[in-house]
Amino acid sequence: MPVQGAAFVAKSATVADGAQVADNAKVVHHAVVRGQVRVLGEATVGHHARVFGGTGPQGAVYIYGRAQVDGHATVGAGADIADRRHILTITGLGPNAHTLTAYRAHPERFDDGDWRWGVRLHLSGWFGELDDLDDRIRRGDLGWTTDELRELDIALDVVAERLAQWQADDITNADRRRWQLRDSDLRRAGVRATRGGRIPAGEATR
């Protein structure tokens, strides 16, 4: 059953089978929630926001606590949003006034042994990571003008600052249990993307 407890889903919203809205959570306005998504606690998904869960344990989406996902935000697999500051939307980008959505994602284990929160992005139908989008920009995949790319670069600098804030947050055992994470679960890449280039994982911003 997608809706449980005191949760509320507006008639104008869409909550597909496979999603769960429970506790005092709300899905309102014209929001769309599909796939392996859990909206819990006091969280709200509203306006024209879209939330799409993926497959497998790390494809889940958790929106809980006092999170608010609204406006024209688009959230995908791996999201872990417990507070309004765990999601960032920047609108009016590119030739069609696209919305860039950045959101806190499941923890990753770095080569120094520390676990840190990740970040995922959505832009114009594309989901990925910061370094993936940097690669697309360098290859000219977006087809945007120089001025439009300059605005996007400024937006990504803001995203990097927000990521640094997320990575300063502790990752608790409860967080790891939520994602069923063990030290052997995630890839152990030697580098992580940051604005301005790549750095060794052990030197990432805390």
C-alpha atoms as a PDB file:
ATOM      1  CA  MET A   1       0.000   0.000   0.000  1.00  0.00           C
ATOM      2  CA  PRO A   2       1.709   3.255  -1.069  1.00  0.00           C
ATOM      3  CA  VAL A   3       0.064   5.473   1.574  1.00  0.00           C
ATOM      4  CA  GLN A   4       0.268   4.517   5.238  1.00  0.00           C
ATOM      5  CA  GLY A   5      -0.443   5.974   8.656  1.00  0.00           C
ATOM      6  CA  ALA A   6      -1.332   9.667   8.785  1.00  0.00           C
ATOM      7  CA  ALA A   7       0.358  10.396   5.453  1.00  0.00           C
ATOM      8  CA  PHE A   8      -1.486  12.468   2.858  1.00  0.00           C
ATOM      9  CA  VAL A   9      -1.426  12.350  -0.932  1.00  0.00           C
ATOM     10  CA  ALA A  10      -3.371  14.981  -2.859  1.00  0.00           C
ATOM     11  CA  LYS A  11      -5.648  13.866  -5.677  1.00  0.00           C
ATOM     12  CA  SER A  12      -3.647  16.018  -8.082  1.00  0.00           C
ATOM     13  CA  ALA A  13      -0.374  14.260  -7.151  1.00  0.00           C
ATOM     14  CA  THR A  14       0.871  10.895  -8.428  1.00  0.00           C
ATOM     15  CA  VAL A  15       2.270   8.154  -6.194  1.00  0.00           C
ATOM     16  CA  ALA A  16       2.882   4.995  -8.194  1.00  0.00           C
ATOM     17  CA  ASP A  17       3.004   1.427  -6.927  1.00  0.00           C
ATOM     18  CA  GLY A  18       6.348   0.625  -5.347  1.00  0.00           C
ATOM     19  CA  ALA A  19       6.588   3.957  -3.539  1.00  0.00           C
ATOM     20  CA  GLN A  20       5.731   4.464   0.124  1.00  0.00           C
ATOM     21  CA  VAL A  21       4.371   7.576   1.830  1.00  0.00           C
ATOM     22  CA  ALA A  22       4.103   7.076   5.583  1.00  0.00           C
ATOM     23  CA  ASP A  23       4.140   8.721   9.022  1.00  0.00           C
ATOM     24  CA  ASN A  24       3.071  12.368   8.604  1.00  0.00           C
ATOM     25  CA  ALA A  25       4.596  12.827   5.161  1.00  0.00           C
ATOM     26  CA  LYS A  26       2.767  14.616   2.345  1.00  0.00           C
ATOM     27  CA  VAL A  27       2.811  14.469  -1.450  1.00  0.00           C
ATOM     28  CA  VAL A  28       0.831  17.430  -2.738  1.00  0.00           C
ATOM     29  CA  HIS A  29       0.115  19.708  -5.698  1.00  0.00           C
ATOM     30  CA  HIS A  30       1.279  18.061  -8.953  1.00  0.00           C
ATOM     31  CA  ALA A  31       4.259  16.152  -7.573  1.00  0.00           C
ATOM     32  CA  VAL A  32       5.135  12.749  -9.048  1.00  0.00           C
ATOM     33  CA  VAL A  33       6.676   9.917  -6.995  1.00  0.00           C
ATOM     34  CA  ARG A  34       7.596   6.674  -8.755  1.00  0.00           C
ATOM     35  CA  GLY A  35       9.696   3.615  -8.094  1.00  0.00           C
ATOM     36  CA  GLN A  36      11.592   2.631  -4.988  1.00  0.00           C
ATOM     37  CA  VAL A  37      10.896   5.819  -3.012  1.00  0.00           C
ATOM     38  CA  ARG A  38      10.236   6.267   0.709  1.00  0.00           C
ATOM     39  CA  VAL A  39       8.688   9.566   1.847  1.00  0.00           C
ATOM     40  CA  LEU A  40       8.612   9.461   5.630  1.00  0.00           C
ATOM     41  CA  GLY A  41       8.520  11.542   8.803  1.00  0.00           C
ATOM     42  CA  GLU A  42       7.402  15.138   8.287  1.00  0.00           C
ATOM     43  CA  ALA A  43       8.738  15.298   4.728  1.00  0.00           C
ATOM     44  CA  THR A  44       6.858  17.024   1.911  1.00  0.00           C
ATOM     45  CA  VAL A  45       7.082  16.546  -1.844  1.00  0.00           C
ATOM     46  CA  GLY A  46       5.129  19.212  -3.662  1.00  0.00           C
ATOM     47  CA  HIS A  47       4.523  21.623  -6.526  1.00  0.00           C
ATOM     48  CA  HIS A  48       5.977  20.137  -9.742  1.00  0.00           C
ATOM     49  CA  ALA A  49       8.711  18.054  -8.121  1.00  0.00           C
ATOM     50  CA  ARG A  50       9.473  14.625  -9.550  1.00  0.00           C
ATOM     51  CA  VAL A  51      11.057  11.804  -7.554  1.00  0.00           C
ATOM     52  CA  PHE A  52      12.182   8.619  -9.334  1.00  0.00           C
ATOM     53  CA  GLY A  53      13.604   5.625  -7.508  1.00  0.00           C
ATOM     54  CA  GLY A  54      15.936   3.148  -9.176  1.00  0.00           C
ATOM     55  CA  THR A  55      16.579  -0.580  -8.790  1.00  0.00           C
ATOM     56  CA  GLY A  56      18.630  -2.440  -6.211  1.00  0.00           C
ATOM     57  CA  PRO A  57      19.551  -1.356  -2.674  1.00  0.00           C
ATOM     58  CA  GLN A  58      21.415   1.751  -3.835  1.00  0.00           C
ATOM     59  CA  GLY A  59      18.672   2.752  -6.256  1.00  0.00           C
ATOM     60  CA  ALA A  60      16.322   3.609  -3.409  1.00  0.00           C
ATOM     61  CA  VAL A  61      15.316   7.176  -2.556  1.00  0.00           C
ATOM     62  CA  TYR A  62      14.812   8.272   1.056  1.00  0.00           C
ATOM     63  CA  ILE A  63      13.042  11.572   1.743  1.00  0.00           C
ATOM     64  CA  TYR A  64      12.421  11.879   5.457  1.00  0.00           C
ATOM     65  CA  GLY A  65      12.768  14.038   8.557  1.00  0.00           C
ATOM     66  CA  ARG A  66      11.766  17.590   7.677  1.00  0.00           C
ATOM     67  CA  ALA A  67      12.827  17.442   4.054  1.00  0.00           C
ATOM     68  CA  GLN A  68      11.053  19.529   1.427  1.00  0.00           C
ATOM     69  CA  VAL A  69      11.341  18.646  -2.239  1.00  0.00           C
ATOM     70  CA  ASP A  70       9.399  21.169  -4.260  1.00  0.00           C
ATOM     71  CA  GLY A  71       9.415  23.642  -7.102  1.00  0.00           C
ATOM     72  CA  HIS A  72      10.697  22.020 -10.292  1.00  0.00           C
ATOM     73  CA  ALA A  73      13.179  19.739  -8.532  1.00  0.00           C
ATOM     74  CA  THR A  74      13.887  16.323 -10.043  1.00  0.00           C
ATOM     75  CA  VAL A  75      15.394  13.683  -7.747  1.00  0.00           C
ATOM     76  CA  GLY A  76      16.679  10.267  -8.765  1.00  0.00           C
ATOM     77  CA  ALA A  77      18.185   7.040  -7.462  1.00  0.00           C
ATOM     78  CA  GLY A  78      20.390   7.160  -4.385  1.00  0.00           C
ATOM     79  CA  ALA A  79      18.937  10.330  -2.866  1.00  0.00           C
ATOM     80  CA  ASP A  80      19.070  10.687   0.923  1.00  0.00           C
ATOM     81  CA  ILE A  81      17.279  13.913   1.845  1.00  0.00           C
ATOM     82  CA  ALA A  82      16.492  14.574   5.506  1.00  0.00           C
ATOM     83  CA  ASP A  83      16.419  18.363   5.536  1.00  0.00           C
ATOM     84  CA  ARG A  84      15.678  21.238   3.166  1.00  0.00           C
ATOM     85  CA  ARG A  85      19.409  21.995   2.910  1.00  0.00           C
ATOM     86  CA  HIS A  86      20.042  18.515   1.450  1.00  0.00           C
ATOM     87  CA  ILE A  87      18.642  19.588  -1.909  1.00  0.00           C
ATOM     88  CA  LEU A  88      19.514  22.568  -4.098  1.00  0.00           C
ATOM     89  CA  THR A  89      17.698  23.776  -7.198  1.00  0.00           C
ATOM     90  CA  ILE A  90      18.951  26.481  -9.559  1.00  0.00           C
ATOM     91  CA  THR A  91      16.561  27.522 -12.310  1.00  0.00           C
ATOM     92  CA  GLY A  92      16.782  29.485 -15.530  1.00  0.00           C
ATOM     93  CA  LEU A  93      19.842  27.744 -16.971  1.00  0.00           C
ATOM     94  CA  GLY A  94      20.608  27.135 -20.620  1.00  0.00           C
ATOM     95  CA  PRO A  95      18.531  27.842 -23.729  1.00  0.00           C
ATOM     96  CA  ASN A  96      15.290  26.527 -22.255  1.00  0.00           C
ATOM     97  CA  ALA A  97      15.585  27.843 -18.682  1.00  0.00           C
ATOM     98  CA  HIS A  98      16.410  24.388 -17.305  1.00  0.00           C
ATOM     99  CA  THR A  99      16.440  23.578 -13.591  1.00  0.00           C
ATOM    100  CA  LEU A 100      19.599  22.061 -12.141  1.00  0.00           C
ATOM    101  CA  THR A 101      18.844  19.858  -9.141  1.00  0.00           C
ATOM    102  CA  ALA A 102      21.612  18.750  -6.781  1.00  0.00           C
ATOM    103  CA  TYR A 103      20.764  16.431  -3.908  1.00  0.00           C
ATOM    104  CA  ARG A 104      22.550  14.570  -1.141  1.00  0.00           C
ATOM    105  CA  ALA A 105      23.111  10.942  -2.050  1.00  0.00           C
ATOM    106  CA  HIS A 106      24.021   7.732  -0.245  1.00  0.00           C
ATOM    107  CA  PRO A 107      27.416   7.626   1.487  1.00  0.00           C
ATOM    108  CA  GLU A 108      30.563   6.519  -0.298  1.00  0.00           C
ATOM    109  CA  ARG A 109      33.661   5.006   1.268  1.00  0.00           C
ATOM    110  CA  PHE A 110      36.841   6.843   0.301  1.00  0.00           C
ATOM    111  CA  ASP A 111      40.299   5.309   0.080  1.00  0.00           C
ATOM    112  CA  ASP A 112      41.273   6.800   3.431  1.00  0.00           C
ATOM    113  CA  GLY A 113      38.568   4.650   5.037  1.00  0.00           C
ATOM    114  CA  ASP A 114      36.163   7.507   5.757  1.00  0.00           C
ATOM    115  CA  TRP A 115      32.534   7.487   4.645  1.00  0.00           C
ATOM    116  CA  ARG A 116      31.223  10.740   3.177  1.00  0.00           C
ATOM    117  CA  TRP A 117      27.934  11.790   1.663  1.00  0.00           C
ATOM    118  CA  GLY A 118      27.704  11.878  -2.101  1.00  0.00           C
ATOM    119  CA  VAL A 119      25.938  14.242  -4.479  1.00  0.00           C
ATOM    120  CA  ARG A 120      23.843  13.539  -7.555  1.00  0.00           C
ATOM    121  CA  LEU A 121      22.649  15.946 -10.210  1.00  0.00           C
ATOM    122  CA  HIS A 122      19.741  16.224 -12.611  1.00  0.00           C
ATOM    123  CA  LEU A 123      19.749  18.526 -15.616  1.00  0.00           C
ATOM    124  CA  SER A 124      17.446  18.343 -18.615  1.00  0.00           C
ATOM    125  CA  GLY A 125      16.667  14.623 -18.382  1.00  0.00           C
ATOM    126  CA  TRP A 126      20.213  13.637 -17.397  1.00  0.00           C
ATOM    127  CA  PHE A 127      21.238  12.155 -14.017  1.00  0.00           C
ATOM    128  CA  GLY A 128      24.846  11.855 -12.882  1.00  0.00           C
ATOM    129  CA  GLU A 129      27.683  13.134 -10.719  1.00  0.00           C
ATOM    130  CA  LEU A 130      29.691  16.362 -10.735  1.00  0.00           C
ATOM    131  CA  ASP A 131      32.623  14.922 -12.643  1.00  0.00           C
ATOM    132  CA  ASP A 132      30.252  13.352 -15.195  1.00  0.00           C
ATOM    133  CA  LEU A 133      28.704  16.734 -15.931  1.00  0.00           C
ATOM    134  CA  ASP A 134      32.133  18.371 -16.141  1.00  0.00           C
ATOM    135  CA  ASP A 135      33.062  15.765 -18.761  1.00  0.00           C
ATOM    136  CA  ARG A 136      29.907  16.506 -20.759  1.00  0.00           C
ATOM    137  CA  ILE A 137      30.652  20.228 -20.675  1.00  0.00           C
ATOM    138  CA  ARG A 138      34.235  19.706 -21.881  1.00  0.00           C
ATOM    139  CA  ARG A 139      33.058  17.498 -24.743  1.00  0.00           C
ATOM    140  CA  GLY A 140      30.483  20.088 -25.811  1.00  0.00           C
ATOM    141  CA  ASP A 141      27.596  17.640 -25.343  1.00  0.00           C
ATOM    142  CA  LEU A 142      25.182  20.271 -24.059  1.00  0.00           C
ATOM    143  CA  GLY A 143      25.316  22.496 -27.122  1.00  0.00           C
ATOM    144  CA  TRP A 144      24.980  25.623 -24.982  1.00  0.00           C
ATOM    145  CA  THR A 145      26.463  29.029 -25.772  1.00  0.00           C
ATOM    146  CA  THR A 146      29.549  30.349 -24.005  1.00  0.00           C
ATOM    147  CA  ASP A 147      27.450  32.642 -21.810  1.00  0.00           C
ATOM    148  CA  GLU A 148      25.082  29.802 -20.907  1.00  0.00           C
ATOM    149  CA  LEU A 149      28.000  27.548 -19.985  1.00  0.00           C
ATOM    150  CA  ARG A 150      29.502  30.328 -17.868  1.00  0.00           C
ATOM    151  CA  GLU A 151      26.237  30.538 -15.884  1.00  0.00           C
ATOM    152  CA  LEU A 152      26.218  26.756 -15.467  1.00  0.00           C
ATOM    153  CA  ASP A 153      29.797  26.821 -14.220  1.00  0.00           C
ATOM    154  CA  ILE A 154      28.833  29.375 -11.559  1.00  0.00           C
ATOM    155  CA  ALA A 155      25.890  27.166 -10.563  1.00  0.00           C
ATOM    156  CA  LEU A 156      28.184  24.145 -10.220  1.00  0.00           C
ATOM    157  CA  ASP A 157      30.501  26.127  -7.961  1.00  0.00           C
ATOM    158  CA  VAL A 158      27.504  26.657  -5.676  1.00  0.00           C
ATOM    159  CA  VAL A 159      26.775  22.922  -5.822  1.00  0.00           C
ATOM    160  CA  ALA A 160      30.366  22.151  -4.830  1.00  0.00           C
ATOM    161  CA  GLU A 161      30.052  24.440  -1.809  1.00  0.00           C
ATOM    162  CA  ARG A 162      26.869  22.669  -0.748  1.00  0.00           C
ATOM    163  CA  LEU A 163      28.560  19.283  -1.220  1.00  0.00           C
ATOM    164  CA  ALA A 164      31.331  20.397   1.130  1.00  0.00           C
ATOM    165  CA  GLN A 165      28.662  21.154   3.745  1.00  0.00           C
ATOM    166  CA  TRP A 166      27.094  17.723   3.285  1.00  0.00           C
ATOM    167  CA  GLN A 167      30.437  15.970   3.540  1.00  0.00           C
ATOM    168  CA  ALA A 168      31.110  17.731   6.845  1.00  0.00           C
ATOM    169  CA  ASP A 169      28.080  15.936   8.321  1.00  0.00           C
ATOM    170  CA  ASP A 170      28.751  12.733  10.224  1.00  0.00           C
ATOM    171  CA  ILE A 171      27.503   9.454   8.799  1.00  0.00           C
ATOM    172  CA  THR A 172      25.942   7.387  11.549  1.00  0.00           C
ATOM    173  CA  ASN A 173      25.478   3.645  11.837  1.00  0.00           C
ATOM    174  CA  ALA A 174      21.776   4.279  11.198  1.00  0.00           C
ATOM    175  CA  ASP A 175      22.686   5.925   7.897  1.00  0.00           C
ATOM    176  CA  ARG A 176      24.791   2.954   6.905  1.00  0.00           C
ATOM    177  CA  ARG A 177      22.087   0.492   7.925  1.00  0.00           C
ATOM    178  CA  ARG A 178      19.538   2.426   5.851  1.00  0.00           C
ATOM    179  CA  TRP A 179      21.684   1.824   2.788  1.00  0.00           C
ATOM    180  CA  GLN A 180      22.812  -1.665   3.875  1.00  0.00           C
ATOM    181  CA  LEU A 181      26.399  -0.507   3.508  1.00  0.00           C
ATOM    182  CA  ARG A 182      29.451  -2.488   4.523  1.00  0.00           C
ATOM    183  CA  ASP A 183      33.071  -1.607   3.874  1.00  0.00           C
ATOM    184  CA  SER A 184      33.153  -3.996   0.914  1.00  0.00           C
ATOM    185  CA  ASP A 185      29.979  -2.705  -0.768  1.00  0.00           C
ATOM    186  CA  LEU A 186      31.025   0.360  -2.721  1.00  0.00           C
ATOM    187  CA  ARG A 187      33.678   0.978  -5.285  1.00  0.00           C
ATOM    188  CA  ARG A 188      36.882   2.481  -3.919  1.00  0.00           C
ATOM    189  CA  ALA A 189      37.836   4.969  -6.593  1.00  0.00           C
ATOM    190  CA  GLY A 190      41.116   6.748  -5.970  1.00  0.00           C
ATOM    191  CA  VAL A 191      39.788  10.181  -6.854  1.00  0.00           C
ATOM    192  CA  ARG A 192      36.617  12.191  -6.460  1.00  0.00           C
ATOM    193  CA  ALA A 193      35.513  15.172  -8.515  1.00  0.00           C
ATOM    194  CA  THR A 194      35.646  18.704  -7.170  1.00  0.00           C
ATOM    195  CA  ARG A 195      35.212  22.024  -8.887  1.00  0.00           C
ATOM    196  CA  GLY A 196      38.575  22.981 -10.298  1.00  0.00           C
ATOM    197  CA  GLY A 197      39.773  19.455 -10.927  1.00  0.00           C
ATOM    198  CA  ARG A 198      40.210  16.081  -9.305  1.00  0.00           C
ATOM    199  CA  ILE A 199      41.904  15.478  -5.966  1.00  0.00           C
ATOM    200  CA  PRO A 200      43.033  12.344  -4.154  1.00  0.00           C
ATOM    201  CA  ALA A 201      40.141  10.924  -2.168  1.00  0.00           C
ATOM    202  CA  GLY A 202      41.996  11.254   1.114  1.00  0.00           C
ATOM    203  CA  GLU A 203      42.276  15.005   0.596  1.00  0.00           C
ATOM    204  CA  ALA A 204      38.590  15.633  -0.056  1.00  0.00           C
ATOM    205  CA  THR A 205      36.886  18.492   1.748  1.00  0.00           C
ATOM    206  CA  ARG A 206      35.565  17.426   5.143  1.00  0.00           C
END
